[in-house]
Amino acid sequence: GPGGPPPPEVAVAKLTTEKVTVFEEYVGQ
Protein backbone atom coordinates (compact mmCIF):
# COMPACT_ATOMS: atom_id res chain seq x y z
CA GLY A 1 0.00 0.00 0.00
CA PRO A 2 0.97 3.60 0.02
CA GLY A 3 4.13 3.83 2.08
CA GLY A 4 4.21 0.06 2.88
CA PRO A 5 6.88 -2.56 1.98
CA PRO A 6 6.46 -4.48 -1.32
CA PRO A 7 5.36 -8.11 -1.17
CA PRO A 8 8.31 -10.58 -0.89
CA GLU A 9 9.49 -12.46 -3.99
CA VAL A 10 9.15 -16.25 -3.84
CA ALA A 11 11.28 -18.57 -6.06
CA VAL A 12 9.33 -21.44 -7.58
CA ALA A 13 10.96 -24.62 -9.05
CA LYS A 14 9.16 -27.33 -10.95
CA LEU A 15 9.98 -30.85 -9.72
CA THR A 16 10.65 -33.49 -12.36
CA THR A 17 11.84 -37.13 -12.22
CA GLU A 18 14.44 -38.76 -14.50
CA LYS A 19 16.93 -41.69 -14.47
CA VAL A 20 20.47 -40.83 -13.32
CA THR A 21 23.54 -43.06 -13.92
CA VAL A 22 25.94 -43.12 -10.97
CA PHE A 23 29.60 -43.55 -12.01
CA GLU A 24 33.08 -43.16 -10.52
CA GLU A 25 36.41 -42.35 -12.16
CA TYR A 26 39.70 -44.10 -11.35
CA VAL A 27 43.24 -43.94 -12.67
CA GLY A 28 44.33 -47.36 -13.99
CA GLN A 29 46.98 -49.06 -16.09
PDB file of all heavy atoms in Angstrom:
ATOM      1  N   GLY A   1       0.838  -1.198   0.000  1.00  0.00           N
ATOM      2  CA  GLY A   1       0.000   0.000   0.000  1.00  0.00           C
ATOM      3  C   GLY A   1       0.856   1.224   0.000  1.00  0.00           C
ATOM      4  O   GLY A   1       2.092   1.132  -0.019  1.00  0.00           O
ATOM      5  N   PRO A   2       0.175   2.357   0.029  1.00  0.00           N
ATOM      6  CA  PRO A   2       0.969   3.604   0.024  1.00  0.00           C
ATOM      7  C   PRO A   2       1.865   3.680   1.243  1.00  0.00           C
ATOM      8  O   PRO A   2       1.388   3.587   2.360  1.00  0.00           O
ATOM      9  CB  PRO A   2      -0.119   4.686   0.055  1.00  0.00           C
ATOM     10  CG  PRO A   2      -1.353   4.036  -0.465  1.00  0.00           C
ATOM     11  CD  PRO A   2      -1.277   2.610  -0.027  1.00  0.00           C
ATOM     12  N   GLY A   3       3.176   3.731   0.983  1.00  0.00           N
ATOM     13  CA  GLY A   3       4.131   3.830   2.075  1.00  0.00           C
ATOM     14  C   GLY A   3       4.495   2.513   2.717  1.00  0.00           C
ATOM     15  O   GLY A   3       5.322   2.480   3.615  1.00  0.00           O
ATOM     16  N   GLY A   4       3.916   1.368   2.277  1.00  0.00           N
ATOM     17  CA  GLY A   4       4.210   0.062   2.880  1.00  0.00           C
ATOM     18  C   GLY A   4       5.262  -0.712   2.100  1.00  0.00           C
ATOM     19  O   GLY A   4       5.559  -0.381   0.956  1.00  0.00           O
ATOM     20  N   PRO A   5       5.849  -1.759   2.684  1.00  0.00           N
ATOM     21  CA  PRO A   5       6.882  -2.564   1.977  1.00  0.00           C
ATOM     22  C   PRO A   5       6.258  -3.401   0.875  1.00  0.00           C
ATOM     23  O   PRO A   5       5.108  -3.823   0.974  1.00  0.00           O
ATOM     24  CB  PRO A   5       7.443  -3.447   3.091  1.00  0.00           C
ATOM     25  CG  PRO A   5       6.324  -3.567   4.065  1.00  0.00           C
ATOM     26  CD  PRO A   5       5.592  -2.254   4.028  1.00  0.00           C
ATOM     27  N   PRO A   6       6.998  -3.650  -0.214  1.00  0.00           N
ATOM     28  CA  PRO A   6       6.456  -4.483  -1.320  1.00  0.00           C
ATOM     29  C   PRO A   6       6.348  -5.940  -0.881  1.00  0.00           C
ATOM     30  O   PRO A   6       7.023  -6.377   0.040  1.00  0.00           O
ATOM     31  CB  PRO A   6       7.499  -4.316  -2.426  1.00  0.00           C
ATOM     32  CG  PRO A   6       8.771  -4.028  -1.699  1.00  0.00           C
ATOM     33  CD  PRO A   6       8.375  -3.207  -0.491  1.00  0.00           C
ATOM     34  N   PRO A   7       5.497  -6.681  -1.524  1.00  0.00           N
ATOM     35  CA  PRO A   7       5.362  -8.111  -1.168  1.00  0.00           C
ATOM     36  C   PRO A   7       6.662  -8.866  -1.466  1.00  0.00           C
ATOM     37  O   PRO A   7       7.348  -8.558  -2.441  1.00  0.00           O
ATOM     38  CB  PRO A   7       4.219  -8.600  -2.067  1.00  0.00           C
ATOM     39  CG  PRO A   7       4.185  -7.641  -3.200  1.00  0.00           C
ATOM     40  CD  PRO A   7       4.605  -6.309  -2.632  1.00  0.00           C
ATOM     41  N   PRO A   8       7.051  -9.831  -0.655  1.00  0.00           N
ATOM     42  CA  PRO A   8       8.309 -10.583  -0.894  1.00  0.00           C
ATOM     43  C   PRO A   8       8.238 -11.462  -2.138  1.00  0.00           C
ATOM     44  O   PRO A   8       7.176 -11.981  -2.485  1.00  0.00           O
ATOM     45  CB  PRO A   8       8.448 -11.433   0.373  1.00  0.00           C
ATOM     46  CG  PRO A   8       7.049 -11.587   0.860  1.00  0.00           C
ATOM     47  CD  PRO A   8       6.331 -10.313   0.525  1.00  0.00           C
ATOM     48  N   GLU A   9       9.404 -11.589  -2.811  1.00  0.00           N
ATOM     49  CA  GLU A   9       9.487 -12.463  -3.986  1.00  0.00           C
ATOM     50  C   GLU A   9       9.740 -13.901  -3.548  1.00  0.00           C
ATOM     51  O   GLU A   9      10.563 -14.158  -2.676  1.00  0.00           O
ATOM     52  CB  GLU A   9      10.612 -11.995  -4.909  1.00  0.00           C
ATOM     53  CG  GLU A   9      10.386 -10.623  -5.502  1.00  0.00           C
ATOM     54  CD  GLU A   9      11.502 -10.237  -6.453  1.00  0.00           C
ATOM     55  OE1 GLU A   9      12.445 -11.064  -6.612  1.00  0.00           O
ATOM     56  OE2 GLU A   9      11.439  -9.140  -7.040  1.00  0.00           O
ATOM     57  N   VAL A  10       9.055 -14.820  -4.165  1.00  0.00           N
ATOM     58  CA  VAL A  10       9.154 -16.254  -3.838  1.00  0.00           C
ATOM     59  C   VAL A  10       9.632 -17.002  -5.073  1.00  0.00           C
ATOM     60  O   VAL A  10       9.012 -16.906  -6.139  1.00  0.00           O
ATOM     61  CB  VAL A  10       7.807 -16.804  -3.347  1.00  0.00           C
ATOM     62  CG1 VAL A  10       7.933 -18.292  -3.024  1.00  0.00           C
ATOM     63  CG2 VAL A  10       7.315 -16.036  -2.127  1.00  0.00           C
ATOM     64  N   ALA A  11      10.772 -17.756  -4.953  1.00  0.00           N
ATOM     65  CA  ALA A  11      11.284 -18.568  -6.065  1.00  0.00           C
ATOM     66  C   ALA A  11      10.500 -19.874  -6.152  1.00  0.00           C
ATOM     67  O   ALA A  11      10.276 -20.552  -5.146  1.00  0.00           O
ATOM     68  CB  ALA A  11      12.764 -18.859  -5.875  1.00  0.00           C
ATOM     69  N   VAL A  12      10.133 -20.233  -7.341  1.00  0.00           N
ATOM     70  CA  VAL A  12       9.328 -21.441  -7.578  1.00  0.00           C
ATOM     71  C   VAL A  12      10.095 -22.342  -8.539  1.00  0.00           C
ATOM     72  O   VAL A  12      10.561 -21.883  -9.591  1.00  0.00           O
ATOM     73  CB  VAL A  12       7.944 -21.094  -8.149  1.00  0.00           C
ATOM     74  CG1 VAL A  12       7.147 -22.359  -8.403  1.00  0.00           C
ATOM     75  CG2 VAL A  12       7.206 -20.177  -7.201  1.00  0.00           C
ATOM     76  N   ALA A  13      10.283 -23.635  -8.190  1.00  0.00           N
ATOM     77  CA  ALA A  13      10.959 -24.621  -9.048  1.00  0.00           C
ATOM     78  C   ALA A  13      10.010 -25.771  -9.321  1.00  0.00           C
ATOM     79  O   ALA A  13       9.325 -26.248  -8.412  1.00  0.00           O
ATOM     80  CB  ALA A  13      12.223 -25.131  -8.380  1.00  0.00           C
ATOM     81  N   LYS A  14      10.013 -26.214 -10.561  1.00  0.00           N
ATOM     82  CA  LYS A  14       9.159 -27.326 -10.954  1.00  0.00           C
ATOM     83  C   LYS A  14       9.900 -28.646 -10.752  1.00  0.00           C
ATOM     84  O   LYS A  14      11.013 -28.811 -11.257  1.00  0.00           O
ATOM     85  CB  LYS A  14       8.746 -27.187 -12.413  1.00  0.00           C
ATOM     86  CG  LYS A  14       7.754 -28.248 -12.854  1.00  0.00           C
ATOM     87  CD  LYS A  14       7.356 -28.043 -14.309  1.00  0.00           C
ATOM     88  CE  LYS A  14       6.366 -29.116 -14.750  1.00  0.00           C
ATOM     89  NZ  LYS A  14       5.972 -28.938 -16.175  1.00  0.00           N
ATOM     90  N   LEU A  15       9.349 -29.562 -10.000  1.00  0.00           N
ATOM     91  CA  LEU A  15       9.976 -30.846  -9.718  1.00  0.00           C
ATOM     92  C   LEU A  15       9.707 -31.827 -10.841  1.00  0.00           C
ATOM     93  O   LEU A  15       8.566 -31.981 -11.286  1.00  0.00           O
ATOM     94  CB  LEU A  15       9.451 -31.415  -8.395  1.00  0.00           C
ATOM     95  CG  LEU A  15       9.713 -30.573  -7.141  1.00  0.00           C
ATOM     96  CD1 LEU A  15       9.127 -31.245  -5.920  1.00  0.00           C
ATOM     97  CD2 LEU A  15      11.200 -30.356  -6.956  1.00  0.00           C
ATOM     98  N   THR A  16      10.773 -32.464 -11.326  1.00  0.00           N
ATOM     99  CA  THR A  16      10.652 -33.486 -12.365  1.00  0.00           C
ATOM    100  C   THR A  16      11.424 -34.727 -11.940  1.00  0.00           C
ATOM    101  O   THR A  16      12.318 -34.658 -11.101  1.00  0.00           O
ATOM    102  CB  THR A  16      11.208 -32.981 -13.708  1.00  0.00           C
ATOM    103  OG1 THR A  16      12.590 -32.633 -13.530  1.00  0.00           O
ATOM    104  CG2 THR A  16      10.431 -31.768 -14.195  1.00  0.00           C
ATOM    105  N   THR A  17      11.144 -35.870 -12.513  1.00  0.00           N
ATOM    106  CA  THR A  17      11.836 -37.135 -12.223  1.00  0.00           C
ATOM    107  C   THR A  17      12.496 -37.639 -13.498  1.00  0.00           C
ATOM    108  O   THR A  17      11.920 -37.534 -14.596  1.00  0.00           O
ATOM    109  CB  THR A  17      10.852 -38.194 -11.702  1.00  0.00           C
ATOM    110  OG1 THR A  17       9.831 -38.410 -12.669  1.00  0.00           O
ATOM    111  CG2 THR A  17      10.219 -37.747 -10.387  1.00  0.00           C
ATOM    112  N   GLU A  18      13.725 -38.181 -13.366  1.00  0.00           N
ATOM    113  CA  GLU A  18      14.442 -38.757 -14.497  1.00  0.00           C
ATOM    114  C   GLU A  18      15.467 -39.757 -13.969  1.00  0.00           C
ATOM    115  O   GLU A  18      15.836 -39.727 -12.796  1.00  0.00           O
ATOM    116  CB  GLU A  18      15.149 -37.680 -15.312  1.00  0.00           C
ATOM    117  CG  GLU A  18      16.194 -36.907 -14.536  1.00  0.00           C
ATOM    118  CD  GLU A  18      16.869 -35.835 -15.383  1.00  0.00           C
ATOM    119  OE1 GLU A  18      16.482 -35.680 -16.555  1.00  0.00           O
ATOM    120  OE2 GLU A  18      17.771 -35.177 -14.858  1.00  0.00           O
ATOM    121  N   LYS A  19      15.938 -40.670 -14.836  1.00  0.00           N
ATOM    122  CA  LYS A  19      16.928 -41.690 -14.467  1.00  0.00           C
ATOM    123  C   LYS A  19      18.327 -41.074 -14.488  1.00  0.00           C
ATOM    124  O   LYS A  19      18.694 -40.389 -15.443  1.00  0.00           O
ATOM    125  CB  LYS A  19      16.864 -42.877 -15.420  1.00  0.00           C
ATOM    126  CG  LYS A  19      15.567 -43.667 -15.324  1.00  0.00           C
ATOM    127  CD  LYS A  19      15.610 -44.870 -16.244  1.00  0.00           C
ATOM    128  CE  LYS A  19      14.334 -45.693 -16.118  1.00  0.00           C
ATOM    129  NZ  LYS A  19      14.354 -46.886 -17.025  1.00  0.00           N
ATOM    130  N   VAL A  20      19.107 -41.361 -13.442  1.00  0.00           N
ATOM    131  CA  VAL A  20      20.466 -40.829 -13.319  1.00  0.00           C
ATOM    132  C   VAL A  20      21.440 -41.992 -13.177  1.00  0.00           C
ATOM    133  O   VAL A  20      21.232 -42.889 -12.349  1.00  0.00           O
ATOM    134  CB  VAL A  20      20.597 -39.889 -12.101  1.00  0.00           C
ATOM    135  CG1 VAL A  20      22.026 -39.390 -11.971  1.00  0.00           C
ATOM    136  CG2 VAL A  20      19.629 -38.720 -12.231  1.00  0.00           C
ATOM    137  N   THR A  21      22.514 -42.017 -13.996  1.00  0.00           N
ATOM    138  CA  THR A  21      23.537 -43.056 -13.922  1.00  0.00           C
ATOM    139  C   THR A  21      24.648 -42.616 -12.971  1.00  0.00           C
ATOM    140  O   THR A  21      25.260 -41.565 -13.157  1.00  0.00           O
ATOM    141  CB  THR A  21      24.143 -43.337 -15.307  1.00  0.00           C
ATOM    142  OG1 THR A  21      23.089 -43.735 -16.192  1.00  0.00           O
ATOM    143  CG2 THR A  21      25.185 -44.446 -15.231  1.00  0.00           C
ATOM    144  N   VAL A  22      24.883 -43.424 -11.947  1.00  0.00           N
ATOM    145  CA  VAL A  22      25.935 -43.124 -10.973  1.00  0.00           C
ATOM    146  C   VAL A  22      27.239 -43.764 -11.445  1.00  0.00           C
ATOM    147  O   VAL A  22      27.277 -44.966 -11.739  1.00  0.00           O
ATOM    148  CB  VAL A  22      25.561 -43.655  -9.580  1.00  0.00           C
ATOM    149  CG1 VAL A  22      26.658 -43.348  -8.577  1.00  0.00           C
ATOM    150  CG2 VAL A  22      24.226 -43.037  -9.125  1.00  0.00           C
ATOM    151  N   PHE A  23      28.319 -43.009 -11.555  1.00  0.00           N
ATOM    152  CA  PHE A  23      29.600 -43.546 -12.007  1.00  0.00           C
ATOM    153  C   PHE A  23      30.720 -42.925 -11.200  1.00  0.00           C
ATOM    154  O   PHE A  23      30.559 -41.868 -10.588  1.00  0.00           O
ATOM    155  CB  PHE A  23      29.815 -43.281 -13.507  1.00  0.00           C
ATOM    156  CG  PHE A  23      29.928 -41.814 -13.846  1.00  0.00           C
ATOM    157  CD1 PHE A  23      31.163 -41.197 -13.892  1.00  0.00           C
ATOM    158  CD2 PHE A  23      28.789 -41.059 -14.100  1.00  0.00           C
ATOM    159  CE1 PHE A  23      31.281 -39.851 -14.194  1.00  0.00           C
ATOM    160  CE2 PHE A  23      28.894 -39.708 -14.405  1.00  0.00           C
ATOM    161  CZ  PHE A  23      30.140 -39.100 -14.448  1.00  0.00           C
ATOM    162  N   GLU A  24      31.887 -43.636 -11.206  1.00  0.00           N
ATOM    163  CA  GLU A  24      33.079 -43.159 -10.521  1.00  0.00           C
ATOM    164  C   GLU A  24      34.266 -43.252 -11.465  1.00  0.00           C
ATOM    165  O   GLU A  24      34.313 -44.153 -12.309  1.00  0.00           O
ATOM    166  CB  GLU A  24      33.348 -43.970  -9.247  1.00  0.00           C
ATOM    167  CG  GLU A  24      32.266 -43.828  -8.193  1.00  0.00           C
ATOM    168  CD  GLU A  24      32.568 -44.641  -6.947  1.00  0.00           C
ATOM    169  OE1 GLU A  24      33.569 -45.376  -6.960  1.00  0.00           O
ATOM    170  OE2 GLU A  24      31.803 -44.543  -5.970  1.00  0.00           O
ATOM    171  N   GLU A  25      35.225 -42.373 -11.321  1.00  0.00           N
ATOM    172  CA  GLU A  25      36.410 -42.346 -12.165  1.00  0.00           C
ATOM    173  C   GLU A  25      37.641 -42.771 -11.365  1.00  0.00           C
ATOM    174  O   GLU A  25      37.803 -42.367 -10.213  1.00  0.00           O
ATOM    175  CB  GLU A  25      36.638 -40.940 -12.736  1.00  0.00           C
ATOM    176  CG  GLU A  25      35.534 -40.490 -13.688  1.00  0.00           C
ATOM    177  CD  GLU A  25      35.827 -39.127 -14.288  1.00  0.00           C
ATOM    178  OE1 GLU A  25      36.870 -38.544 -13.902  1.00  0.00           O
ATOM    179  OE2 GLU A  25      35.055 -38.660 -15.130  1.00  0.00           O
ATOM    180  N   TYR A  26      38.475 -43.620 -11.982  1.00  0.00           N
ATOM    181  CA  TYR A  26      39.701 -44.097 -11.346  1.00  0.00           C
ATOM    182  C   TYR A  26      40.836 -43.996 -12.357  1.00  0.00           C
ATOM    183  O   TYR A  26      40.626 -44.047 -13.572  1.00  0.00           O
ATOM    184  CB  TYR A  26      39.565 -45.542 -10.879  1.00  0.00           C
ATOM    185  CG  TYR A  26      38.503 -45.763  -9.834  1.00  0.00           C
ATOM    186  CD1 TYR A  26      37.217 -46.140 -10.193  1.00  0.00           C
ATOM    187  CD2 TYR A  26      38.781 -45.600  -8.486  1.00  0.00           C
ATOM    188  CE1 TYR A  26      36.230 -46.336  -9.237  1.00  0.00           C
ATOM    189  CE2 TYR A  26      37.808 -45.812  -7.523  1.00  0.00           C
ATOM    190  CZ  TYR A  26      36.539 -46.177  -7.907  1.00  0.00           C
ATOM    191  OH  TYR A  26      35.566 -46.386  -6.954  1.00  0.00           O
ATOM    192  N   VAL A  27      42.048 -43.907 -11.838  1.00  0.00           N
ATOM    193  CA  VAL A  27      43.244 -43.938 -12.674  1.00  0.00           C
ATOM    194  C   VAL A  27      43.764 -45.366 -12.702  1.00  0.00           C
ATOM    195  O   VAL A  27      43.996 -45.972 -11.652  1.00  0.00           O
ATOM    196  CB  VAL A  27      44.331 -42.986 -12.128  1.00  0.00           C
ATOM    197  CG1 VAL A  27      45.594 -43.089 -12.980  1.00  0.00           C
ATOM    198  CG2 VAL A  27      43.807 -41.563 -12.104  1.00  0.00           C
ATOM    199  N   GLY A  28      43.898 -45.962 -13.870  1.00  0.00           N
ATOM    200  CA  GLY A  28      44.327 -47.355 -13.987  1.00  0.00           C
ATOM    201  C   GLY A  28      45.416 -47.518 -15.030  1.00  0.00           C
ATOM    202  O   GLY A  28      45.803 -46.563 -15.724  1.00  0.00           O
ATOM    203  N   GLN A  29      45.934 -48.724 -15.123  1.00  0.00           N
ATOM    204  CA  GLN A  29      46.979 -49.058 -16.086  1.00  0.00           C
ATOM    205  C   GLN A  29      46.622 -50.377 -16.739  1.00  0.00           C
ATOM    206  O   GLN A  29      46.318 -51.351 -16.050  1.00  0.00           O
ATOM    207  CB  GLN A  29      48.343 -49.162 -15.403  1.00  0.00           C
ATOM    208  CG  GLN A  29      49.474 -49.468 -16.366  1.00  0.00           C
ATOM    209  CD  GLN A  29      50.824 -49.504 -15.660  1.00  0.00           C
ATOM    210  OE1 GLN A  29      50.905 -49.233 -14.467  1.00  0.00           O
ATOM    211  NE2 GLN A  29      51.868 -49.842 -16.382  1.00  0.00           N
TER     212      GLN A  29
END
